[in-house]
C-alpha atoms as a PDB file:
ATOM      1  CA  MET A   1      -0.699   8.616  -3.278  1.00  0.00           C
ATOM      2  CA  ASN A   2      -0.567   5.095  -4.743  1.00  0.00           C
ATOM      3  CA  ALA A   3      -2.852   2.393  -3.415  1.00  0.00           C
ATOM      4  CA  PRO A   4      -1.071  -0.341  -1.459  1.00  0.00           C
ATOM      5  CA  LEU A   5      -0.137  -3.375  -3.523  1.00  0.00           C
ATOM      6  CA  ASN A   6      -2.114  -6.491  -2.599  1.00  0.00           C
ATOM      7  CA  LEU A   7       0.265  -9.451  -2.842  1.00  0.00           C
ATOM      8  CA  GLN A   8      -0.492 -13.075  -2.039  1.00  0.00           C
ATOM      9  CA  ILE A   9       2.349 -14.963  -0.353  1.00  0.00           C
ATOM     10  CA  ILE A  10       2.470 -18.738  -0.705  1.00  0.00           C
ATOM     11  CA  LYS A  11       4.315 -20.494   2.074  1.00  0.00           C
ATOM     12  CA  SER A  12       6.158 -23.807   2.062  1.00  0.00           C
ATOM     13  CA  ILE A  13       5.101 -26.711   4.246  1.00  0.00           C
ATOM     14  CA  SER A  14       7.500 -25.427   6.904  1.00  0.00           C
ATOM     15  CA  GLY A  15       5.708 -22.059   6.887  1.00  0.00           C
ATOM     16  CA  LYS A  16       8.459 -20.037   5.205  1.00  0.00           C
ATOM     17  CA  PRO A  17       7.513 -17.678   2.345  1.00  0.00           C
ATOM     18  CA  GLU A  18       8.121 -19.546  -0.933  1.00  0.00           C
ATOM     19  CA  PHE A  19       6.322 -17.622  -3.715  1.00  0.00           C
ATOM     20  CA  VAL A  20       4.606 -14.271  -4.237  1.00  0.00           C
ATOM     21  CA  LEU A  21       1.676 -13.727  -6.611  1.00  0.00           C
ATOM     22  CA  ILE A  22       1.621 -10.269  -8.149  1.00  0.00           C
ATOM     23  CA  PRO A  23      -0.897  -8.517 -10.395  1.00  0.00           C
ATOM     24  CA  VAL A  24      -0.309  -8.915 -14.142  1.00  0.00           C
ATOM     25  CA  ALA A  25       0.163  -5.148 -14.553  1.00  0.00           C
ATOM     26  CA  VAL A  26       2.987  -5.177 -12.005  1.00  0.00           C
ATOM     27  CA  TYR A  27       4.559  -8.201 -13.685  1.00  0.00           C
ATOM     28  CA  ALA A  28       4.352  -6.476 -17.075  1.00  0.00           C
ATOM     29  CA  ALA A  29       6.086  -3.405 -15.653  1.00  0.00           C
ATOM     30  CA  LEU A  30       8.817  -5.514 -14.029  1.00  0.00           C
ATOM     31  CA  ARG A  31       9.109  -8.264 -16.660  1.00  0.00           C
ATOM     32  CA  GLU A  32      12.431  -7.135 -18.098  1.00  0.00           C
ATOM     33  CA  GLN A  33      14.008  -6.854 -14.644  1.00  0.00           C
ATOM     34  CA  ILE A  34      12.617 -10.262 -13.653  1.00  0.00           C
ATOM     35  CA  GLU A  35      13.985 -11.871 -16.822  1.00  0.00           C
ATOM     36  CA  ASP A  36      17.403 -10.266 -16.220  1.00  0.00           C
ATOM     37  CA  GLU A  37      17.414 -11.585 -12.653  1.00  0.00           C
ATOM     38  CA  MET A  38      16.413 -15.076 -13.810  1.00  0.00           C
ATOM     39  CA  ALA A  39      19.180 -15.047 -16.429  1.00  0.00           C
ATOM     40  CA  GLY A  40      21.636 -14.154 -13.676  1.00  0.00           C
ATOM     41  CA  LEU A  41      20.389 -17.028 -11.528  1.00  0.00           C
ATOM     42  CA  GLU A  42      20.723 -19.432 -14.452  1.00  0.00           C
ATOM     43  CA  ALA A  43      24.260 -18.203 -15.105  1.00  0.00           C
ATOM     44  CA  ALA A  44      25.118 -18.731 -11.445  1.00  0.00           C
ATOM     45  CA  ALA A  45      23.714 -22.258 -11.614  1.00  0.00           C
ATOM     46  CA  ASP A  46      25.846 -22.964 -14.683  1.00  0.00           C
ATOM     47  CA  LYS A  47      28.879 -21.873 -12.686  1.00  0.00           C
ATOM     48  CA  GLY A  48      28.041 -24.187  -9.794  1.00  0.00           C
ATOM     49  CA  GLY A  49      25.964 -21.713  -7.773  1.00  0.00           C
ATOM     50  CA  GLU A  50      23.374 -22.787  -5.248  1.00  0.00           C
ATOM     51  CA  TYR A  51      20.356 -22.020  -7.451  1.00  0.00           C
ATOM     52  CA  VAL A  52      18.461 -25.188  -8.308  1.00  0.00           C
ATOM     53  CA  PRO A  53      15.610 -24.916 -10.816  1.00  0.00           C
ATOM     54  CA  PHE A  54      12.193 -26.181  -9.759  1.00  0.00           C
ATOM     55  CA  GLU A  55      11.444 -29.680 -11.009  1.00  0.00           C
ATOM     56  CA  LEU A  56       7.912 -30.930 -10.471  1.00  0.00           C
ATOM     57  CA  ALA A  57       9.160 -34.528 -10.305  1.00  0.00           C
ATOM     58  CA  ASP A  58      11.155 -33.618  -7.189  1.00  0.00           C
ATOM     59  CA  TYR A  59       7.909 -32.897  -5.333  1.00  0.00           C
ATOM     60  CA  VAL A  60       5.285 -35.165  -6.908  1.00  0.00           C
ATOM     61  CA  GLU A  61       5.904 -38.890  -6.476  1.00  0.00           C
ATOM     62  CA  ASN A  62       2.656 -40.291  -7.873  1.00  0.00           C
ATOM     63  CA  PRO A  63       3.157 -40.969 -11.613  1.00  0.00           C
ATOM     64  CA  VAL A  64      -0.501 -40.283 -12.442  1.00  0.00           C
ATOM     65  CA  ALA A  65      -0.448 -36.892 -10.723  1.00  0.00           C
ATOM     66  CA  LEU A  66       2.903 -36.055 -12.314  1.00  0.00           C
ATOM     67  CA  ALA A  67       1.724 -36.975 -15.823  1.00  0.00           C
ATOM     68  CA  ARG A  68      -1.487 -34.983 -15.348  1.00  0.00           C
ATOM     69  CA  MET A  69       0.314 -31.898 -14.071  1.00  0.00           C
ATOM     70  CA  ASN A  70       2.951 -32.060 -16.808  1.00  0.00           C
ATOM     71  CA  ALA A  71       0.107 -32.180 -19.352  1.00  0.00           C
ATOM     72  CA  GLY A  72      -1.481 -29.094 -17.764  1.00  0.00           C
ATOM     73  CA  LEU A  73      -4.706 -30.915 -16.950  1.00  0.00           C
ATOM     74  CA  THR A  74      -6.934 -30.679 -13.905  1.00  0.00           C
ATOM     75  CA  GLN A  75      -8.202 -33.783 -12.147  1.00  0.00           C
ATOM     76  CA  LYS A  76     -11.603 -33.064 -13.684  1.00  0.00           C
ATOM     77  CA  ASP A  77     -10.066 -32.924 -17.190  1.00  0.00           C
ATOM     78  CA  LEU A  78      -8.297 -36.248 -16.707  1.00  0.00           C
ATOM     79  CA  ALA A  79     -11.395 -37.834 -15.205  1.00  0.00           C
ATOM     80  CA  LYS A  80     -13.413 -36.848 -18.267  1.00  0.00           C
ATOM     81  CA  ARG A  81     -10.796 -38.346 -20.597  1.00  0.00           C
ATOM     82  CA  LEU A  82     -10.727 -41.577 -18.579  1.00  0.00           C
ATOM     83  CA  GLY A  83     -14.500 -41.769 -18.204  1.00  0.00           C
ATOM     84  CA  VAL A  84     -14.329 -41.742 -14.406  1.00  0.00           C
ATOM     85  CA  SER A  85     -15.138 -39.265 -11.636  1.00  0.00           C
ATOM     86  CA  GLN A  86     -12.813 -36.544 -10.391  1.00  0.00           C
ATOM     87  CA  ALA A  87     -12.987 -38.194  -6.969  1.00  0.00           C
ATOM     88  CA  TYR A  88     -11.586 -41.409  -8.459  1.00  0.00           C
ATOM     89  CA  VAL A  89      -8.665 -39.521 -10.031  1.00  0.00           C
ATOM     90  CA  SER A  90      -8.024 -37.871  -6.666  1.00  0.00           C
ATOM     91  CA  LYS A  91      -8.031 -41.289  -4.989  1.00  0.00           C
ATOM     92  CA  ILE A  92      -5.549 -42.658  -7.542  1.00  0.00           C
ATOM     93  CA  GLU A  93      -3.255 -39.663  -7.048  1.00  0.00           C
ATOM     94  CA  ARG A  94      -3.179 -40.189  -3.275  1.00  0.00           C
ATOM     95  CA  GLN A  95      -2.018 -43.791  -3.618  1.00  0.00           C
ATOM     96  CA  THR A  96       1.618 -44.570  -2.926  1.00  0.00           C
ATOM     97  CA  LYS A  97       1.681 -47.305  -5.579  1.00  0.00           C
ATOM     98  CA  VAL A  98       0.032 -47.276  -8.991  1.00  0.00           C
ATOM     99  CA  THR A  99       0.049 -50.212 -11.403  1.00  0.00           C
ATOM    100  CA  PRO A 100       1.944 -49.883 -14.688  1.00  0.00           C
ATOM    101  CA  LYS A 101      -1.311 -50.748 -16.488  1.00  0.00           C
ATOM    102  CA  LEU A 102      -3.069 -47.743 -14.942  1.00  0.00           C
ATOM    103  CA  VAL A 103      -0.126 -45.423 -15.704  1.00  0.00           C
ATOM    104  CA  SER A 104      -0.230 -46.626 -19.332  1.00  0.00           C
ATOM    105  CA  LYS A 105      -3.990 -45.994 -19.523  1.00  0.00           C
ATOM    106  CA  VAL A 106      -3.521 -42.471 -18.116  1.00  0.00           C
ATOM    107  CA  LYS A 107      -0.731 -41.676 -20.584  1.00  0.00           C
ATOM    108  CA  ARG A 108      -2.923 -42.830 -23.487  1.00  0.00           C
ATOM    109  CA  ALA A 109      -5.775 -40.639 -22.202  1.00  0.00           C
ATOM    110  CA  ILE A 110      -3.440 -37.654 -21.964  1.00  0.00           C
ATOM    111  CA  GLY A 111      -2.152 -38.268 -25.475  1.00  0.00           C
END
């Protein structure tokens, strides 16, 4: 008998299931089927279907956080590049307004 599959479900803010994390071995076994399904969703979107691809910018308003995430950096990575603490980067990312000068400095640090 097979062992039960341990999946992690990530819920949206409203509490509805949004994503499922699966083991790499399961993903490898299902990769072709997943890619076929994704291609079908993309085709439906091209035809005016309801599928809307995930865009990080739709969910992250702070330009510093968005630039960092798009670069694939952690707050600690960005802090090191800026010569500041991770706590300071966190504080900046929680702000509703960020100066253009700071955004420019962050983009230079990201490269």
